[in-house]
Amino acid sequence: RSGNVGINASDPVKTLDVRGQLAISNSASSYWYMDRRDADGFFQLIDDADNAAITVDTNLNVGIGTDSPNYKLVVAQSNVTEPSGIDTNTSILIKNNTWSGITLLSTSSTGSFLTFGDENAGFAGRLQYNNSGNYMSFWTNGGEKLNINDTGELKIGTGSNNAGFIDFDGTNLQLNTQRNPN
């Protein structure tokens, strides 16, 4: 048979047109439901207790654990009221009624980083943790400018020779006049 098939729809508009919630299960005791809310057109994946696990709104914002995502991606471990003053350029919002966090995991011989860039430079700045060396570094303009090691030693203007323009180990301050911090 050719044409569109409708379930609870006498005038199907696509190959398969389901009007109402779609239930998915591998048993008769537990289901996931897919639904498009009539009031606002949001698409939802809903659990047995009618909690929205995933919501996609009409602006294509995605919510995980929330049914009203106001940003491109909202991850809500619990329901926390979003205050005014959140930057309108925010793309990802993570919220919880206790501590919120993001964890980056890597191997002990590598590290983790968060890179900043623009349309002209994909790597302009970086916040990086080196697991094998146990240090955190801050990069601007594509190069490392500040380094804090596992003993708390601070190096400003660090480079490939690991000698800082300014070194502070918590007690002693050294100024390396042989090195240009730029």
N, C-alpha and C. Protein backbone atom coordinates (compact mmCIF):
# COMPACT_ATOMS: atom_id res chain seq x y z
N ARG A 1 0.86 -1.18 0.00
CA ARG A 1 0.00 0.00 0.00
C ARG A 1 0.89 1.23 0.00
N SER A 2 0.57 2.21 -0.79
CA SER A 2 1.33 3.45 -0.83
C SER A 2 0.54 4.54 -0.12
N GLY A 3 1.22 5.63 0.19
CA GLY A 3 0.56 6.74 0.85
C GLY A 3 0.93 6.85 2.31
N ASN A 4 0.29 7.75 3.00
CA ASN A 4 0.55 8.01 4.41
C ASN A 4 -0.36 7.18 5.30
N VAL A 5 0.16 6.78 6.46
CA VAL A 5 -0.61 5.99 7.41
C VAL A 5 -0.84 6.84 8.65
N GLY A 6 -2.05 6.86 9.14
CA GLY A 6 -2.37 7.63 10.32
C GLY A 6 -2.85 6.75 11.46
N ILE A 7 -2.34 7.01 12.66
CA ILE A 7 -2.84 6.36 13.87
C ILE A 7 -3.53 7.45 14.67
N ASN A 8 -4.80 7.32 14.84
CA ASN A 8 -5.62 8.34 15.49
C ASN A 8 -5.65 9.62 14.65
N ALA A 9 -5.38 9.47 13.34
CA ALA A 9 -5.37 10.61 12.42
C ALA A 9 -6.04 10.18 11.12
N SER A 10 -7.13 10.85 10.75
CA SER A 10 -7.83 10.50 9.51
C SER A 10 -7.20 11.18 8.29
N ASP A 11 -6.34 12.16 8.53
CA ASP A 11 -5.70 12.91 7.45
C ASP A 11 -4.18 12.96 7.67
N PRO A 12 -3.48 11.81 7.63
CA PRO A 12 -2.05 11.80 7.92
C PRO A 12 -1.26 12.71 6.98
N VAL A 13 -0.29 13.44 7.54
CA VAL A 13 0.48 14.40 6.76
C VAL A 13 1.89 13.89 6.41
N LYS A 14 2.32 12.79 7.02
CA LYS A 14 3.62 12.18 6.73
C LYS A 14 3.43 10.68 6.57
N THR A 15 4.50 9.97 6.23
CA THR A 15 4.43 8.53 6.02
C THR A 15 3.78 7.83 7.19
N LEU A 16 4.16 8.21 8.43
CA LEU A 16 3.49 7.70 9.62
C LEU A 16 3.13 8.91 10.47
N ASP A 17 1.88 9.07 10.74
CA ASP A 17 1.36 10.21 11.50
C ASP A 17 0.64 9.66 12.73
N VAL A 18 1.24 9.89 13.92
CA VAL A 18 0.65 9.41 15.18
C VAL A 18 0.13 10.62 15.93
N ARG A 19 -1.14 10.64 16.26
CA ARG A 19 -1.74 11.73 17.03
C ARG A 19 -1.96 11.21 18.45
N GLY A 20 -1.27 11.81 19.40
CA GLY A 20 -1.30 11.35 20.78
C GLY A 20 0.08 10.91 21.21
N GLN A 21 0.20 10.41 22.43
CA GLN A 21 1.50 9.96 22.92
C GLN A 21 1.87 8.63 22.30
N LEU A 22 3.15 8.47 22.04
CA LEU A 22 3.69 7.23 21.54
C LEU A 22 4.40 6.54 22.70
N ALA A 23 3.99 5.33 23.04
CA ALA A 23 4.58 4.58 24.15
C ALA A 23 5.60 3.59 23.61
N ILE A 24 6.77 3.55 24.29
CA ILE A 24 7.83 2.62 23.90
C ILE A 24 8.22 1.81 25.13
N SER A 25 8.25 0.48 24.95
CA SER A 25 8.59 -0.39 26.08
C SER A 25 9.08 -1.73 25.58
N ASN A 26 9.87 -2.39 26.42
CA ASN A 26 10.22 -3.77 26.11
C ASN A 26 9.48 -4.72 27.04
N SER A 27 8.58 -4.17 27.84
CA SER A 27 7.72 -4.97 28.72
C SER A 27 6.42 -4.20 28.91
N ALA A 28 5.46 -4.81 29.53
CA ALA A 28 4.18 -4.14 29.75
C ALA A 28 4.16 -3.36 31.06
N SER A 29 5.29 -3.33 31.77
CA SER A 29 5.28 -2.71 33.10
C SER A 29 5.99 -1.35 33.15
N SER A 30 6.77 -1.02 32.14
CA SER A 30 7.52 0.24 32.19
C SER A 30 7.59 0.83 30.78
N TYR A 31 7.31 2.12 30.67
CA TYR A 31 7.26 2.77 29.37
C TYR A 31 8.03 4.09 29.35
N TRP A 32 8.47 4.45 28.16
CA TRP A 32 8.87 5.82 27.85
C TRP A 32 7.82 6.33 26.87
N TYR A 33 7.49 7.61 26.98
CA TYR A 33 6.49 8.20 26.11
C TYR A 33 7.11 9.34 25.31
N MET A 34 6.69 9.48 24.08
CA MET A 34 7.05 10.64 23.27
C MET A 34 5.78 11.43 23.03
N ASP A 35 5.90 12.74 23.13
CA ASP A 35 4.71 13.57 23.01
C ASP A 35 5.09 14.93 22.45
N ARG A 36 4.16 15.55 21.76
CA ARG A 36 4.27 16.96 21.37
C ARG A 36 3.15 17.67 22.09
N ARG A 37 3.55 18.58 23.01
CA ARG A 37 2.54 19.28 23.81
C ARG A 37 1.72 20.20 22.92
N ASP A 38 0.41 20.10 23.03
CA ASP A 38 -0.48 20.94 22.23
C ASP A 38 -0.36 22.42 22.58
N ALA A 39 -0.17 22.74 23.85
CA ALA A 39 -0.18 24.14 24.30
C ALA A 39 0.94 24.96 23.68
N ASP A 40 2.15 24.35 23.53
CA ASP A 40 3.28 25.15 23.06
C ASP A 40 4.10 24.49 21.95
N GLY A 41 3.75 23.27 21.56
CA GLY A 41 4.44 22.60 20.48
C GLY A 41 5.76 21.96 20.87
N PHE A 42 6.07 21.90 22.18
CA PHE A 42 7.32 21.29 22.63
C PHE A 42 7.26 19.78 22.43
N PHE A 43 8.38 19.18 22.02
CA PHE A 43 8.52 17.73 21.91
C PHE A 43 9.15 17.22 23.20
N GLN A 44 8.62 16.11 23.75
CA GLN A 44 9.13 15.60 25.01
C GLN A 44 9.28 14.08 25.00
N LEU A 45 10.31 13.64 25.71
CA LEU A 45 10.48 12.25 26.06
C LEU A 45 10.17 12.17 27.55
N ILE A 46 9.15 11.39 27.92
CA ILE A 46 8.58 11.42 29.27
C ILE A 46 8.70 10.03 29.90
N ASP A 47 8.99 10.00 31.20
CA ASP A 47 9.09 8.71 31.91
C ASP A 47 7.73 8.28 32.44
N ASP A 48 7.69 7.12 33.11
CA ASP A 48 6.44 6.57 33.65
C ASP A 48 5.73 7.51 34.62
N ALA A 49 6.50 8.34 35.33
CA ALA A 49 5.91 9.24 36.33
C ALA A 49 5.53 10.60 35.72
N ASP A 50 5.50 10.68 34.40
CA ASP A 50 5.17 11.91 33.66
C ASP A 50 6.18 13.03 33.87
N ASN A 51 7.43 12.68 34.16
CA ASN A 51 8.50 13.67 34.24
C ASN A 51 9.17 13.77 32.88
N ALA A 52 9.40 15.00 32.45
CA ALA A 52 10.06 15.21 31.17
C ALA A 52 11.55 14.93 31.32
N ALA A 53 12.03 13.89 30.66
CA ALA A 53 13.46 13.59 30.68
C ALA A 53 14.19 14.50 29.70
N ILE A 54 13.61 14.67 28.51
CA ILE A 54 14.19 15.54 27.48
C ILE A 54 13.07 16.35 26.87
N THR A 55 13.31 17.64 26.70
CA THR A 55 12.35 18.54 26.07
C THR A 55 13.06 19.32 24.97
N VAL A 56 12.43 19.44 23.81
CA VAL A 56 12.92 20.30 22.73
C VAL A 56 11.83 21.31 22.46
N ASP A 57 12.16 22.61 22.64
CA ASP A 57 11.13 23.63 22.42
C ASP A 57 11.11 24.07 20.97
N THR A 58 10.23 24.99 20.63
CA THR A 58 10.07 25.42 19.24
C THR A 58 11.23 26.27 18.74
N ASN A 59 12.12 26.72 19.62
CA ASN A 59 13.34 27.42 19.23
C ASN A 59 14.52 26.46 19.12
N LEU A 60 14.25 25.15 19.25
CA LEU A 60 15.23 24.08 19.24
C LEU A 60 16.18 24.13 20.44
N ASN A 61 15.72 24.74 21.53
CA ASN A 61 16.44 24.65 22.80
C ASN A 61 16.15 23.26 23.38
N VAL A 62 17.17 22.65 23.99
CA VAL A 62 17.04 21.30 24.54
C VAL A 62 17.17 21.34 26.04
N GLY A 63 16.25 20.71 26.73
CA GLY A 63 16.30 20.61 28.18
C GLY A 63 16.43 19.17 28.61
N ILE A 64 17.37 18.90 29.48
CA ILE A 64 17.51 17.57 30.10
C ILE A 64 17.16 17.76 31.56
N GLY A 65 16.10 17.11 32.00
CA GLY A 65 15.64 17.26 33.38
C GLY A 65 14.81 18.50 33.61
N THR A 66 14.43 19.19 32.57
CA THR A 66 13.58 20.37 32.68
C THR A 66 12.61 20.39 31.50
N ASP A 67 11.43 20.94 31.70
CA ASP A 67 10.48 21.01 30.59
C ASP A 67 10.36 22.41 30.02
N SER A 68 11.28 23.32 30.42
CA SER A 68 11.24 24.69 29.87
C SER A 68 12.65 25.22 29.68
N PRO A 69 13.37 24.69 28.67
CA PRO A 69 14.74 25.17 28.43
C PRO A 69 14.74 26.58 27.84
N ASN A 70 15.49 27.49 28.47
CA ASN A 70 15.57 28.86 27.99
C ASN A 70 16.86 29.14 27.22
N TYR A 71 17.73 28.14 27.11
CA TYR A 71 19.02 28.27 26.42
C TYR A 71 19.20 27.06 25.52
N LYS A 72 20.17 27.07 24.62
CA LYS A 72 20.36 25.98 23.68
C LYS A 72 20.42 24.62 24.35
N LEU A 73 21.10 24.54 25.53
CA LEU A 73 21.12 23.30 26.30
C LEU A 73 21.02 23.65 27.78
N VAL A 74 20.01 23.11 28.44
CA VAL A 74 19.85 23.28 29.88
C VAL A 74 19.86 21.88 30.50
N VAL A 75 20.80 21.67 31.42
CA VAL A 75 20.88 20.41 32.15
C VAL A 75 20.51 20.72 33.58
N ALA A 76 19.40 20.15 34.04
CA ALA A 76 18.90 20.44 35.38
C ALA A 76 18.88 19.15 36.20
N GLN A 77 19.75 19.11 37.21
CA GLN A 77 19.72 17.97 38.12
C GLN A 77 18.58 18.13 39.11
N SER A 78 18.21 19.36 39.38
CA SER A 78 17.04 19.66 40.21
C SER A 78 16.49 20.98 39.73
N ASN A 79 15.30 21.31 40.15
CA ASN A 79 14.64 22.54 39.70
C ASN A 79 15.12 23.73 40.51
N VAL A 80 15.84 24.62 39.87
CA VAL A 80 16.33 25.85 40.48
C VAL A 80 15.81 27.00 39.64
N THR A 81 15.26 28.01 40.29
CA THR A 81 14.77 29.18 39.58
C THR A 81 15.93 29.91 38.93
N GLU A 82 15.80 30.23 37.66
CA GLU A 82 16.84 30.97 36.96
C GLU A 82 16.67 32.46 37.26
N PRO A 83 17.66 33.08 37.89
CA PRO A 83 17.54 34.49 38.25
C PRO A 83 17.73 35.39 37.04
N SER A 84 17.36 36.64 37.17
CA SER A 84 17.66 37.60 36.11
C SER A 84 19.16 37.84 36.12
N GLY A 85 19.68 38.33 35.03
CA GLY A 85 21.10 38.65 34.97
C GLY A 85 21.95 37.60 34.30
N ILE A 86 21.37 36.45 33.92
CA ILE A 86 22.15 35.46 33.18
C ILE A 86 22.39 36.04 31.79
N ASP A 87 23.65 36.01 31.36
CA ASP A 87 24.03 36.59 30.07
C ASP A 87 23.17 36.00 28.96
N THR A 88 22.62 36.85 28.10
CA THR A 88 21.75 36.39 27.02
C THR A 88 22.52 35.59 25.97
N ASN A 89 23.85 35.65 25.99
CA ASN A 89 24.67 34.86 25.06
C ASN A 89 24.95 33.46 25.59
N THR A 90 24.41 33.12 26.75
CA THR A 90 24.62 31.81 27.33
C THR A 90 24.04 30.74 26.41
N SER A 91 24.84 29.72 26.10
CA SER A 91 24.37 28.60 25.29
C SER A 91 24.07 27.38 26.13
N ILE A 92 24.88 27.16 27.19
CA ILE A 92 24.71 25.98 28.04
C ILE A 92 24.52 26.44 29.48
N LEU A 93 23.47 25.95 30.11
CA LEU A 93 23.20 26.25 31.52
C LEU A 93 23.07 24.94 32.26
N ILE A 94 23.83 24.82 33.36
CA ILE A 94 23.77 23.64 34.21
C ILE A 94 23.29 24.13 35.56
N LYS A 95 22.24 23.50 36.09
CA LYS A 95 21.69 23.97 37.35
C LYS A 95 21.36 22.82 38.29
N ASN A 96 21.50 23.10 39.57
CA ASN A 96 21.23 22.14 40.62
C ASN A 96 20.93 22.92 41.89
N ASN A 97 20.17 22.36 42.82
CA ASN A 97 19.87 23.09 44.05
C ASN A 97 20.97 22.93 45.10
N THR A 98 22.04 22.23 44.76
CA THR A 98 23.26 22.21 45.57
C THR A 98 24.40 22.64 44.66
N TRP A 99 25.55 22.07 44.77
CA TRP A 99 26.68 22.41 43.91
C TRP A 99 26.39 22.01 42.47
N SER A 100 26.86 22.79 41.51
CA SER A 100 26.79 22.44 40.10
C SER A 100 28.21 22.33 39.57
N GLY A 101 28.42 21.46 38.63
CA GLY A 101 29.77 21.33 38.12
C GLY A 101 29.82 20.60 36.80
N ILE A 102 30.98 20.71 36.17
CA ILE A 102 31.29 19.98 34.95
C ILE A 102 32.61 19.27 35.22
N THR A 103 32.68 18.00 34.94
CA THR A 103 33.90 17.24 35.14
C THR A 103 34.44 16.82 33.78
N LEU A 104 35.73 17.08 33.57
CA LEU A 104 36.42 16.62 32.38
C LEU A 104 37.38 15.52 32.81
N LEU A 105 37.24 14.32 32.28
CA LEU A 105 38.11 13.20 32.63
C LEU A 105 39.00 12.84 31.46
N SER A 106 40.25 12.53 31.77
CA SER A 106 41.19 12.06 30.76
C SER A 106 42.15 11.09 31.43
N THR A 107 43.10 10.58 30.68
CA THR A 107 44.05 9.63 31.25
C THR A 107 45.10 10.36 32.09
N SER A 108 45.82 9.59 32.91
CA SER A 108 46.84 10.19 33.78
C SER A 108 48.04 10.72 33.00
N SER A 109 48.19 10.32 31.75
CA SER A 109 49.32 10.80 30.95
C SER A 109 48.95 11.97 30.05
N THR A 110 47.69 12.40 30.10
CA THR A 110 47.26 13.53 29.27
C THR A 110 46.69 14.61 30.17
N GLY A 111 45.61 15.26 29.78
CA GLY A 111 45.01 16.30 30.59
C GLY A 111 43.65 16.68 30.05
N SER A 112 43.13 17.78 30.54
CA SER A 112 41.82 18.28 30.11
C SER A 112 41.93 19.78 29.89
N PHE A 113 41.09 20.32 29.01
CA PHE A 113 41.16 21.75 28.74
C PHE A 113 39.83 22.28 28.26
N LEU A 114 39.69 23.58 28.39
CA LEU A 114 38.57 24.34 27.86
C LEU A 114 39.19 25.41 26.97
N THR A 115 38.87 25.38 25.69
CA THR A 115 39.50 26.27 24.72
C THR A 115 38.52 27.36 24.28
N PHE A 116 39.03 28.55 24.09
CA PHE A 116 38.26 29.70 23.63
C PHE A 116 38.77 30.12 22.26
N GLY A 117 37.88 30.50 21.38
CA GLY A 117 38.28 30.92 20.05
C GLY A 117 37.23 31.79 19.41
N ASP A 118 37.51 32.18 18.19
CA ASP A 118 36.57 32.98 17.40
C ASP A 118 36.67 32.56 15.95
N GLU A 119 36.00 33.30 15.05
CA GLU A 119 36.00 32.91 13.64
C GLU A 119 37.37 33.04 12.99
N ASN A 120 38.29 33.77 13.63
CA ASN A 120 39.63 33.95 13.07
C ASN A 120 40.67 33.04 13.70
N ALA A 121 40.44 32.61 14.91
CA ALA A 121 41.41 31.77 15.62
C ALA A 121 40.65 30.74 16.46
N GLY A 122 40.69 29.48 16.04
CA GLY A 122 40.00 28.43 16.78
C GLY A 122 40.61 28.17 18.15
N PHE A 123 41.86 28.58 18.33
CA PHE A 123 42.56 28.43 19.61
C PHE A 123 43.19 29.76 19.97
N ALA A 124 42.43 30.58 20.71
CA ALA A 124 42.92 31.89 21.14
C ALA A 124 43.29 31.86 22.62
N GLY A 125 42.53 31.15 23.41
CA GLY A 125 42.79 31.06 24.84
C GLY A 125 42.43 29.69 25.35
N ARG A 126 42.97 29.36 26.53
CA ARG A 126 42.72 28.02 27.06
C ARG A 126 42.93 28.00 28.57
N LEU A 127 42.11 27.23 29.23
CA LEU A 127 42.31 26.85 30.63
C LEU A 127 42.59 25.36 30.58
N GLN A 128 43.77 24.95 31.06
CA GLN A 128 44.20 23.57 30.87
C GLN A 128 44.76 22.97 32.16
N TYR A 129 44.46 21.69 32.40
CA TYR A 129 45.09 20.96 33.49
C TYR A 129 45.87 19.79 32.90
N ASN A 130 47.15 19.70 33.27
CA ASN A 130 48.04 18.64 32.81
C ASN A 130 48.14 17.59 33.91
N ASN A 131 47.57 16.41 33.67
CA ASN A 131 47.56 15.36 34.69
C ASN A 131 48.95 14.82 35.00
N SER A 132 49.77 14.59 33.98
CA SER A 132 51.08 13.99 34.23
C SER A 132 52.02 14.96 34.93
N GLY A 133 51.88 16.25 34.68
CA GLY A 133 52.74 17.25 35.34
C GLY A 133 52.09 17.88 36.56
N ASN A 134 50.81 17.59 36.80
CA ASN A 134 50.06 18.15 37.93
C ASN A 134 50.16 19.67 38.00
N TYR A 135 49.83 20.33 36.91
CA TYR A 135 49.78 21.79 36.91
C TYR A 135 48.61 22.29 36.09
N MET A 136 48.17 23.49 36.42
CA MET A 136 47.11 24.16 35.69
C MET A 136 47.73 25.35 34.98
N SER A 137 47.33 25.55 33.74
CA SER A 137 47.88 26.68 32.98
C SER A 137 46.76 27.48 32.33
N PHE A 138 47.05 28.74 32.15
CA PHE A 138 46.14 29.68 31.50
C PHE A 138 46.84 30.22 30.26
N TRP A 139 46.15 30.17 29.14
CA TRP A 139 46.73 30.56 27.86
C TRP A 139 45.94 31.74 27.29
N THR A 140 46.64 32.67 26.69
CA THR A 140 46.00 33.74 25.92
C THR A 140 46.77 33.90 24.62
N ASN A 141 46.10 34.34 23.59
CA ASN A 141 46.70 34.55 22.28
C ASN A 141 47.46 33.31 21.82
N GLY A 142 46.93 32.12 22.13
CA GLY A 142 47.51 30.88 21.65
C GLY A 142 48.72 30.37 22.41
N GLY A 143 49.12 31.03 23.50
CA GLY A 143 50.29 30.58 24.25
C GLY A 143 50.08 30.61 25.75
N GLU A 144 50.84 29.78 26.46
CA GLU A 144 50.73 29.71 27.91
C GLU A 144 51.31 30.97 28.54
N LYS A 145 50.54 31.58 29.46
CA LYS A 145 50.96 32.83 30.10
C LYS A 145 51.06 32.70 31.61
N LEU A 146 50.35 31.73 32.22
CA LEU A 146 50.36 31.57 33.67
C LEU A 146 50.29 30.08 33.98
N ASN A 147 51.05 29.66 35.01
CA ASN A 147 51.13 28.25 35.37
C ASN A 147 51.15 28.14 36.88
N ILE A 148 50.30 27.25 37.43
CA ILE A 148 50.30 26.96 38.86
C ILE A 148 50.55 25.46 39.00
N ASN A 149 51.65 25.09 39.71
CA ASN A 149 51.95 23.66 39.83
C ASN A 149 51.36 23.08 41.12
N ASP A 150 51.59 21.79 41.35
CA ASP A 150 50.97 21.10 42.47
C ASP A 150 51.51 21.51 43.83
N THR A 151 52.61 22.26 43.87
CA THR A 151 53.11 22.76 45.15
C THR A 151 52.63 24.18 45.42
N GLY A 152 51.84 24.74 44.48
CA GLY A 152 51.33 26.09 44.64
C GLY A 152 52.23 27.15 44.02
N GLU A 153 53.31 26.73 43.39
CA GLU A 153 54.23 27.68 42.75
C GLU A 153 53.53 28.32 41.56
N LEU A 154 53.65 29.62 41.47
CA LEU A 154 53.02 30.42 40.43
C LEU A 154 54.08 30.94 39.49
N LYS A 155 53.89 30.72 38.20
CA LYS A 155 54.80 31.24 37.18
C LYS A 155 53.97 32.07 36.22
N ILE A 156 54.36 33.30 36.03
CA ILE A 156 53.66 34.19 35.09
C ILE A 156 54.59 34.42 33.92
N GLY A 157 54.07 34.27 32.72
CA GLY A 157 54.88 34.42 31.53
C GLY A 157 55.65 33.15 31.24
N THR A 158 55.09 31.99 31.59
CA THR A 158 55.80 30.73 31.37
C THR A 158 55.88 30.43 29.89
N GLY A 159 56.83 29.63 29.54
CA GLY A 159 57.01 29.24 28.15
C GLY A 159 57.59 27.86 28.05
N SER A 160 58.17 27.55 26.89
CA SER A 160 58.66 26.21 26.66
C SER A 160 59.83 25.84 27.57
N ASN A 161 60.60 26.84 28.05
CA ASN A 161 61.72 26.52 28.96
C ASN A 161 61.27 26.42 30.41
N ASN A 162 59.94 26.57 30.64
CA ASN A 162 59.34 26.45 31.98
C ASN A 162 59.91 27.45 32.98
N ALA A 163 60.59 28.47 32.49
CA ALA A 163 61.07 29.54 33.37
C ALA A 163 60.11 30.71 33.23
N GLY A 164 59.55 31.12 34.33
CA GLY A 164 58.59 32.20 34.27
C GLY A 164 59.25 33.56 34.24
N PHE A 165 58.55 34.54 33.72
CA PHE A 165 59.02 35.92 33.81
C PHE A 165 58.95 36.36 35.27
N ILE A 166 57.87 35.93 35.95
CA ILE A 166 57.74 36.13 37.39
C ILE A 166 57.44 34.76 37.99
N ASP A 167 58.24 34.33 38.96
CA ASP A 167 58.03 33.07 39.67
C ASP A 167 57.77 33.37 41.13
N PHE A 168 56.73 32.76 41.68
CA PHE A 168 56.46 32.91 43.11
C PHE A 168 56.14 31.54 43.67
N ASP A 169 56.92 31.08 44.63
CA ASP A 169 56.73 29.75 45.20
C ASP A 169 56.04 29.77 46.55
N GLY A 170 55.42 30.87 46.91
CA GLY A 170 54.75 31.01 48.19
C GLY A 170 55.61 31.74 49.21
N THR A 171 56.90 31.76 48.98
CA THR A 171 57.83 32.45 49.88
C THR A 171 58.70 33.44 49.13
N ASN A 172 59.26 32.97 48.01
CA ASN A 172 60.22 33.78 47.25
C ASN A 172 59.61 34.27 45.95
N LEU A 173 59.91 35.51 45.66
CA LEU A 173 59.48 36.12 44.40
C LEU A 173 60.72 36.36 43.56
N GLN A 174 60.71 35.82 42.33
CA GLN A 174 61.85 36.00 41.43
C GLN A 174 61.37 36.67 40.15
N LEU A 175 62.16 37.61 39.69
CA LEU A 175 61.89 38.31 38.45
C LEU A 175 62.98 37.93 37.47
N ASN A 176 62.59 37.32 36.36
CA ASN A 176 63.55 36.90 35.33
C ASN A 176 63.65 38.01 34.31
N THR A 177 64.71 38.81 34.42
CA THR A 177 64.88 39.96 33.52
C THR A 177 65.41 39.56 32.16
N GLN A 178 65.80 38.30 32.00
CA GLN A 178 66.32 37.81 30.72
C GLN A 178 65.18 37.35 29.78
N ARG A 179 63.99 37.37 30.29
CA ARG A 179 62.87 36.84 29.54
C ARG A 179 61.79 37.89 29.37
N ASN A 180 61.29 38.04 28.18
CA ASN A 180 60.22 38.98 27.89
C ASN A 180 58.89 38.27 28.10
N PRO A 181 57.99 38.81 28.92
CA PRO A 181 56.72 38.14 29.19
C PRO A 181 55.80 38.09 27.98
N ASN A 182 56.09 38.86 26.95
CA ASN A 182 55.25 38.83 25.76
C ASN A 182 55.84 37.87 24.79
